[in-house]
Amino acid sequence: MAVLRAIRTLLKLIAGALILALLAFVASFIVVLLTAQRDERRVADAIVVLGAAQYNGRPSPVLQSRLDHALKLYRLKLAPIVVLTGGIGPGDRESEATVGKRYLAARGVPTRRIVLRPRGRSTHASMDDVAEWARSERLDTLLLVSDPFHLARLKVEAWRIGIAAYVSPTRTSPISNNPRLELEYLLAEAVKLPVAGVRSLAGD
């Protein structure tokens, strides 16, 4: 009987943990979904474009949509500088940031107004790289550009690095234009967001 009671207790603990995990996931998904609807565009010290894939020197459709949105914000004079992130992927010869610079320069953005921060191969690493640059330049506010699904995690990362940041999503990404694909990304972010939050609290 003692063994059965121990088993029942263990099963209850497991069930309770699963319920808590499910509630946490649902809450995280709601935060990701609601943040994806926000556009906080405002005057800032710099516009920061989060990297995405490039194909043999050409921006992928996802990266191009982010660059086009950053270009729009730059032309609205919301910031005098565009910062491009994204390193060199496996098998690539150029960084995502370098490809982005060529794309924006071809569309009229002076190269002196473009800053490359190509060392990051993840959101976490890219934001660390941007923070290092922003502090060296004594900048206070950043306007972060990415896909809608990405915004909640960017807010957490900005809080982690101690930078006042605002988010502005592209609305032309092929991810956003594919409801099934977008849902997959939103669900994935609902898992990544708590992880980013724990890492931030841990000071990582």
C-alpha atoms as a PDB file:
ATOM      1  CA  MET A   1       0.000   0.000   0.000  1.00  0.00           C
ATOM      2  CA  ALA A   2       2.824   2.373   0.815  1.00  0.00           C
ATOM      3  CA  VAL A   3       4.253   1.777  -2.643  1.00  0.00           C
ATOM      4  CA  LEU A   4       0.894   2.531  -4.267  1.00  0.00           C
ATOM      5  CA  ARG A   5       0.525   5.743  -2.264  1.00  0.00           C
ATOM      6  CA  ALA A   6       4.023   6.792  -3.328  1.00  0.00           C
ATOM      7  CA  ILE A   7       3.175   6.087  -6.969  1.00  0.00           C
ATOM      8  CA  ARG A   8      -0.072   8.065  -6.724  1.00  0.00           C
ATOM      9  CA  THR A   9       1.767  10.962  -5.113  1.00  0.00           C
ATOM     10  CA  LEU A  10       4.400  10.888  -7.838  1.00  0.00           C
ATOM     11  CA  LEU A  11       1.744  10.824 -10.562  1.00  0.00           C
ATOM     12  CA  LYS A  12      -0.006  13.802  -8.971  1.00  0.00           C
ATOM     13  CA  LEU A  13       3.258  15.720  -8.851  1.00  0.00           C
ATOM     14  CA  ILE A  14       3.943  14.911 -12.497  1.00  0.00           C
ATOM     15  CA  ALA A  15       0.409  15.929 -13.499  1.00  0.00           C
ATOM     16  CA  GLY A  16       0.733  19.155 -11.542  1.00  0.00           C
ATOM     17  CA  ALA A  17       4.062  19.958 -13.193  1.00  0.00           C
ATOM     18  CA  LEU A  18       2.587  19.288 -16.632  1.00  0.00           C
ATOM     19  CA  ILE A  19      -0.372  21.546 -15.919  1.00  0.00           C
ATOM     20  CA  LEU A  20       1.916  24.334 -14.739  1.00  0.00           C
ATOM     21  CA  ALA A  21       4.101  23.903 -17.807  1.00  0.00           C
ATOM     22  CA  LEU A  22       1.028  24.075 -20.052  1.00  0.00           C
ATOM     23  CA  LEU A  23      -0.237  27.226 -18.323  1.00  0.00           C
ATOM     24  CA  ALA A  24       3.197  28.831 -18.651  1.00  0.00           C
ATOM     25  CA  PHE A  25       3.288  27.973 -22.347  1.00  0.00           C
ATOM     26  CA  VAL A  26      -0.189  29.418 -22.927  1.00  0.00           C
ATOM     27  CA  ALA A  27       0.734  32.613 -21.072  1.00  0.00           C
ATOM     28  CA  SER A  28       3.949  32.911 -23.061  1.00  0.00           C
ATOM     29  CA  PHE A  29       2.079  32.367 -26.337  1.00  0.00           C
ATOM     30  CA  ILE A  30      -0.387  35.131 -25.450  1.00  0.00           C
ATOM     31  CA  VAL A  31       2.482  37.536 -24.719  1.00  0.00           C
ATOM     32  CA  VAL A  32       4.182  36.653 -28.014  1.00  0.00           C
ATOM     33  CA  LEU A  33       0.924  37.052 -29.933  1.00  0.00           C
ATOM     34  CA  LEU A  34      -0.016  40.385 -28.364  1.00  0.00           C
ATOM     35  CA  THR A  35       3.472  41.844 -28.756  1.00  0.00           C
ATOM     36  CA  ALA A  36       3.464  40.797 -32.414  1.00  0.00           C
ATOM     37  CA  GLN A  37       0.615  43.266 -32.999  1.00  0.00           C
ATOM     38  CA  ARG A  38       2.541  46.249 -31.623  1.00  0.00           C
ATOM     39  CA  ASP A  39       4.460  48.887 -33.535  1.00  0.00           C
ATOM     40  CA  GLU A  40       6.332  51.215 -31.212  1.00  0.00           C
ATOM     41  CA  ARG A  41       8.082  53.226 -33.903  1.00  0.00           C
ATOM     42  CA  ARG A  42       9.386  56.520 -32.607  1.00  0.00           C
ATOM     43  CA  VAL A  43      12.444  58.731 -32.868  1.00  0.00           C
ATOM     44  CA  ALA A  44      15.520  56.858 -31.606  1.00  0.00           C
ATOM     45  CA  ASP A  45      19.289  57.023 -31.767  1.00  0.00           C
ATOM     46  CA  ALA A  46      19.542  54.102 -34.199  1.00  0.00           C
ATOM     47  CA  ILE A  47      17.483  51.572 -36.122  1.00  0.00           C
ATOM     48  CA  VAL A  48      18.673  47.990 -35.550  1.00  0.00           C
ATOM     49  CA  VAL A  49      17.842  45.269 -38.071  1.00  0.00           C
ATOM     50  CA  LEU A  50      17.971  41.717 -36.763  1.00  0.00           C
ATOM     51  CA  GLY A  51      19.645  39.424 -39.248  1.00  0.00           C
ATOM     52  CA  ALA A  52      18.143  36.618 -41.314  1.00  0.00           C
ATOM     53  CA  ALA A  53      19.473  34.346 -44.034  1.00  0.00           C
ATOM     54  CA  GLN A  54      21.188  35.589 -47.176  1.00  0.00           C
ATOM     55  CA  TYR A  55      21.663  33.570 -50.367  1.00  0.00           C
ATOM     56  CA  ASN A  56      24.975  34.029 -52.177  1.00  0.00           C
ATOM     57  CA  GLY A  57      25.077  37.758 -51.555  1.00  0.00           C
ATOM     58  CA  ARG A  58      21.347  38.400 -51.876  1.00  0.00           C
ATOM     59  CA  PRO A  59      18.992  38.927 -48.934  1.00  0.00           C
ATOM     60  CA  SER A  60      16.496  36.159 -48.357  1.00  0.00           C
ATOM     61  CA  PRO A  61      12.862  37.285 -48.629  1.00  0.00           C
ATOM     62  CA  VAL A  62      12.699  37.456 -44.817  1.00  0.00           C
ATOM     63  CA  LEU A  63      15.838  39.591 -44.565  1.00  0.00           C
ATOM     64  CA  GLN A  64      14.716  41.780 -47.458  1.00  0.00           C
ATOM     65  CA  SER A  65      11.407  42.514 -45.754  1.00  0.00           C
ATOM     66  CA  ARG A  66      13.269  43.604 -42.600  1.00  0.00           C
ATOM     67  CA  LEU A  67      15.643  45.779 -44.617  1.00  0.00           C
ATOM     68  CA  ASP A  68      12.767  47.370 -46.535  1.00  0.00           C
ATOM     69  CA  HIS A  69      11.024  48.216 -43.277  1.00  0.00           C
ATOM     70  CA  ALA A  70      14.206  49.694 -41.806  1.00  0.00           C
ATOM     71  CA  LEU A  71      14.629  51.740 -44.987  1.00  0.00           C
ATOM     72  CA  LYS A  72      11.102  53.089 -44.576  1.00  0.00           C
ATOM     73  CA  LEU A  73      11.804  54.077 -40.960  1.00  0.00           C
ATOM     74  CA  TYR A  74      15.094  55.695 -41.977  1.00  0.00           C
ATOM     75  CA  ARG A  75      13.363  57.726 -44.699  1.00  0.00           C
ATOM     76  CA  LEU A  76      10.828  58.850 -42.095  1.00  0.00           C
ATOM     77  CA  LYS A  77      13.873  60.253 -40.222  1.00  0.00           C
ATOM     78  CA  LEU A  78      13.182  58.250 -37.085  1.00  0.00           C
ATOM     79  CA  ALA A  79      16.917  57.641 -36.636  1.00  0.00           C
ATOM     80  CA  PRO A  80      20.121  58.791 -38.369  1.00  0.00           C
ATOM     81  CA  ILE A  81      21.849  55.382 -38.273  1.00  0.00           C
ATOM     82  CA  VAL A  82      20.913  51.870 -39.378  1.00  0.00           C
ATOM     83  CA  VAL A  83      22.671  49.030 -37.555  1.00  0.00           C
ATOM     84  CA  LEU A  84      22.806  45.672 -39.328  1.00  0.00           C
ATOM     85  CA  THR A  85      23.339  42.432 -37.419  1.00  0.00           C
ATOM     86  CA  GLY A  86      23.908  38.856 -38.521  1.00  0.00           C
ATOM     87  CA  GLY A  87      27.071  36.847 -38.970  1.00  0.00           C
ATOM     88  CA  ILE A  88      28.362  34.389 -41.552  1.00  0.00           C
ATOM     89  CA  GLY A  89      26.329  31.206 -41.803  1.00  0.00           C
ATOM     90  CA  PRO A  90      27.727  27.745 -42.577  1.00  0.00           C
ATOM     91  CA  GLY A  91      28.966  27.664 -46.161  1.00  0.00           C
ATOM     92  CA  ASP A  92      28.511  31.400 -46.667  1.00  0.00           C
ATOM     93  CA  ARG A  93      31.235  33.828 -47.689  1.00  0.00           C
ATOM     94  CA  GLU A  94      29.545  37.009 -46.537  1.00  0.00           C
ATOM     95  CA  SER A  95      27.745  37.974 -43.375  1.00  0.00           C
ATOM     96  CA  GLU A  96      24.069  38.812 -43.340  1.00  0.00           C
ATOM     97  CA  ALA A  97      25.038  42.304 -42.169  1.00  0.00           C
ATOM     98  CA  THR A  98      27.344  42.869 -45.143  1.00  0.00           C
ATOM     99  CA  VAL A  99      24.678  41.782 -47.608  1.00  0.00           C
ATOM    100  CA  GLY A 100      22.212  44.093 -45.886  1.00  0.00           C
ATOM    101  CA  LYS A 101      24.612  47.015 -46.171  1.00  0.00           C
ATOM    102  CA  ARG A 102      24.939  46.541 -49.922  1.00  0.00           C
ATOM    103  CA  TYR A 103      21.150  46.321 -50.259  1.00  0.00           C
ATOM    104  CA  LEU A 104      20.508  49.542 -48.329  1.00  0.00           C
ATOM    105  CA  ALA A 105      23.373  51.436 -49.980  1.00  0.00           C
ATOM    106  CA  ALA A 106      21.916  50.580 -53.389  1.00  0.00           C
ATOM    107  CA  ARG A 107      18.685  52.208 -52.241  1.00  0.00           C
ATOM    108  CA  GLY A 108      20.209  55.481 -51.200  1.00  0.00           C
ATOM    109  CA  VAL A 109      21.308  55.039 -47.600  1.00  0.00           C
ATOM    110  CA  PRO A 110      24.791  56.599 -47.261  1.00  0.00           C
ATOM    111  CA  THR A 111      27.346  54.009 -46.179  1.00  0.00           C
ATOM    112  CA  ARG A 112      28.471  56.323 -43.381  1.00  0.00           C
ATOM    113  CA  ARG A 113      24.980  55.917 -41.943  1.00  0.00           C
ATOM    114  CA  ILE A 114      25.213  52.118 -41.893  1.00  0.00           C
ATOM    115  CA  VAL A 115      26.891  50.278 -39.031  1.00  0.00           C
ATOM    116  CA  LEU A 116      27.802  46.595 -39.299  1.00  0.00           C
ATOM    117  CA  ARG A 117      27.680  44.337 -36.246  1.00  0.00           C
ATOM    118  CA  PRO A 118      28.206  40.942 -37.898  1.00  0.00           C
ATOM    119  CA  ARG A 119      29.465  38.826 -35.013  1.00  0.00           C
ATOM    120  CA  GLY A 120      26.173  37.395 -33.773  1.00  0.00           C
ATOM    121  CA  ARG A 121      24.737  34.110 -34.982  1.00  0.00           C
ATOM    122  CA  SER A 122      21.728  34.255 -32.660  1.00  0.00           C
ATOM    123  CA  THR A 123      19.381  36.893 -31.273  1.00  0.00           C
ATOM    124  CA  HIS A 124      21.148  36.686 -27.914  1.00  0.00           C
ATOM    125  CA  ALA A 125      24.622  37.176 -29.419  1.00  0.00           C
ATOM    126  CA  SER A 126      23.505  39.899 -31.819  1.00  0.00           C
ATOM    127  CA  MET A 127      21.916  41.912 -29.027  1.00  0.00           C
ATOM    128  CA  ASP A 128      25.091  41.596 -26.957  1.00  0.00           C
ATOM    129  CA  ASP A 129      27.079  42.908 -29.932  1.00  0.00           C
ATOM    130  CA  VAL A 130      24.656  45.799 -30.459  1.00  0.00           C
ATOM    131  CA  ALA A 131      24.769  46.692 -26.753  1.00  0.00           C
ATOM    132  CA  GLU A 132      28.566  46.854 -26.839  1.00  0.00           C
ATOM    133  CA  TRP A 133      28.433  49.227 -29.801  1.00  0.00           C
ATOM    134  CA  ALA A 134      25.612  51.367 -28.368  1.00  0.00           C
ATOM    135  CA  ARG A 135      27.454  51.875 -25.098  1.00  0.00           C
ATOM    136  CA  SER A 136      30.682  52.775 -26.886  1.00  0.00           C
ATOM    137  CA  GLU A 137      28.749  55.401 -28.864  1.00  0.00           C
ATOM    138  CA  ARG A 138      26.844  56.600 -25.784  1.00  0.00           C
ATOM    139  CA  LEU A 139      23.477  55.937 -27.408  1.00  0.00           C
ATOM    140  CA  ASP A 140      20.367  55.600 -25.288  1.00  0.00           C
ATOM    141  CA  THR A 141      17.489  54.402 -27.468  1.00  0.00           C
ATOM    142  CA  LEU A 142      17.188  51.791 -30.219  1.00  0.00           C
ATOM    143  CA  LEU A 143      14.397  50.975 -32.656  1.00  0.00           C
ATOM    144  CA  LEU A 144      14.477  47.214 -33.297  1.00  0.00           C
ATOM    145  CA  VAL A 145      13.232  45.808 -36.614  1.00  0.00           C
ATOM    146  CA  SER A 146      12.291  42.171 -37.125  1.00  0.00           C
ATOM    147  CA  ASP A 147       9.340  39.903 -37.894  1.00  0.00           C
ATOM    148  CA  PRO A 148       6.264  40.224 -35.648  1.00  0.00           C
ATOM    149  CA  PHE A 149       6.764  36.822 -33.999  1.00  0.00           C
ATOM    150  CA  HIS A 150      10.246  37.908 -32.840  1.00  0.00           C
ATOM    151  CA  LEU A 151       9.294  41.086 -30.988  1.00  0.00           C
ATOM    152  CA  ALA A 152       8.523  39.737 -27.509  1.00  0.00           C
ATOM    153  CA  ARG A 153      11.914  38.055 -27.240  1.00  0.00           C
ATOM    154  CA  LEU A 154      13.615  41.202 -28.509  1.00  0.00           C
ATOM    155  CA  LYS A 155      11.972  43.165 -25.694  1.00  0.00           C
ATOM    156  CA  VAL A 156      13.332  40.675 -23.167  1.00  0.00           C
ATOM    157  CA  GLU A 157      16.806  40.809 -24.718  1.00  0.00           C
ATOM    158  CA  ALA A 158      16.780  44.616 -24.666  1.00  0.00           C
ATOM    159  CA  TRP A 159      15.844  44.542 -20.991  1.00  0.00           C
ATOM    160  CA  ARG A 160      18.680  42.079 -20.348  1.00  0.00           C
ATOM    161  CA  ILE A 161      21.316  44.312 -21.894  1.00  0.00           C
ATOM    162  CA  GLY A 162      19.942  47.441 -20.235  1.00  0.00           C
ATOM    163  CA  ILE A 163      19.091  49.348 -23.428  1.00  0.00           C
ATOM    164  CA  ALA A 164      15.904  51.356 -23.914  1.00  0.00           C
ATOM    165  CA  ALA A 165      14.484  49.716 -27.023  1.00  0.00           C
ATOM    166  CA  TYR A 166      11.296  49.974 -29.045  1.00  0.00           C
ATOM    167  CA  VAL A 167      10.077  47.440 -31.599  1.00  0.00           C
ATOM    168  CA  SER A 168       8.717  47.925 -35.100  1.00  0.00           C
ATOM    169  CA  PRO A 169       7.738  44.841 -37.125  1.00  0.00           C
ATOM    170  CA  THR A 170       7.843  44.321 -40.839  1.00  0.00           C
ATOM    171  CA  ARG A 171       4.443  43.435 -42.241  1.00  0.00           C
ATOM    172  CA  THR A 172       5.687  42.138 -45.602  1.00  0.00           C
ATOM    173  CA  SER A 173       7.622  39.070 -44.482  1.00  0.00           C
ATOM    174  CA  PRO A 174       6.747  35.801 -46.235  1.00  0.00           C
ATOM    175  CA  ILE A 175       6.375  34.310 -42.763  1.00  0.00           C
ATOM    176  CA  SER A 176       3.597  36.746 -41.884  1.00  0.00           C
ATOM    177  CA  ASN A 177       1.927  36.122 -45.230  1.00  0.00           C
ATOM    178  CA  ASN A 178       1.702  32.369 -44.546  1.00  0.00           C
ATOM    179  CA  PRO A 179      -0.694  31.788 -41.602  1.00  0.00           C
ATOM    180  CA  ARG A 180       0.394  28.201 -41.005  1.00  0.00           C
ATOM    181  CA  LEU A 181       4.077  29.075 -41.073  1.00  0.00           C
ATOM    182  CA  GLU A 182       3.536  32.113 -38.876  1.00  0.00           C
ATOM    183  CA  LEU A 183       1.714  29.971 -36.304  1.00  0.00           C
ATOM    184  CA  GLU A 184       4.688  27.605 -36.211  1.00  0.00           C
ATOM    185  CA  TYR A 185       7.025  30.522 -35.498  1.00  0.00           C
ATOM    186  CA  LEU A 186       4.694  31.955 -32.851  1.00  0.00           C
ATOM    187  CA  LEU A 187       4.526  28.591 -31.084  1.00  0.00           C
ATOM    188  CA  ALA A 188       8.306  28.242 -31.221  1.00  0.00           C
ATOM    189  CA  GLU A 189       8.713  31.719 -29.735  1.00  0.00           C
ATOM    190  CA  ALA A 190       6.341  30.779 -26.916  1.00  0.00           C
ATOM    191  CA  VAL A 191       8.975  28.218 -25.910  1.00  0.00           C
ATOM    192  CA  LYS A 192      11.975  30.498 -26.488  1.00  0.00           C
ATOM    193  CA  LEU A 193      10.557  33.487 -24.611  1.00  0.00           C
ATOM    194  CA  PRO A 194      10.602  31.933 -21.099  1.00  0.00           C
ATOM    195  CA  VAL A 195      14.085  30.591 -21.772  1.00  0.00           C
ATOM    196  CA  ALA A 196      15.253  34.092 -22.695  1.00  0.00           C
ATOM    197  CA  GLY A 197      13.575  35.434 -19.567  1.00  0.00           C
ATOM    198  CA  VAL A 198      15.302  32.927 -17.296  1.00  0.00           C
ATOM    199  CA  ARG A 199      18.664  33.661 -18.929  1.00  0.00           C
ATOM    200  CA  SER A 200      18.102  37.372 -18.433  1.00  0.00           C
ATOM    201  CA  LEU A 201      17.254  36.938 -14.769  1.00  0.00           C
ATOM    202  CA  ALA A 202      20.314  34.752 -14.355  1.00  0.00           C
ATOM    203  CA  GLY A 203      22.446  37.508 -15.858  1.00  0.00           C
ATOM    204  CA  ASP A 204      23.608  35.335 -18.743  1.00  0.00           C
END
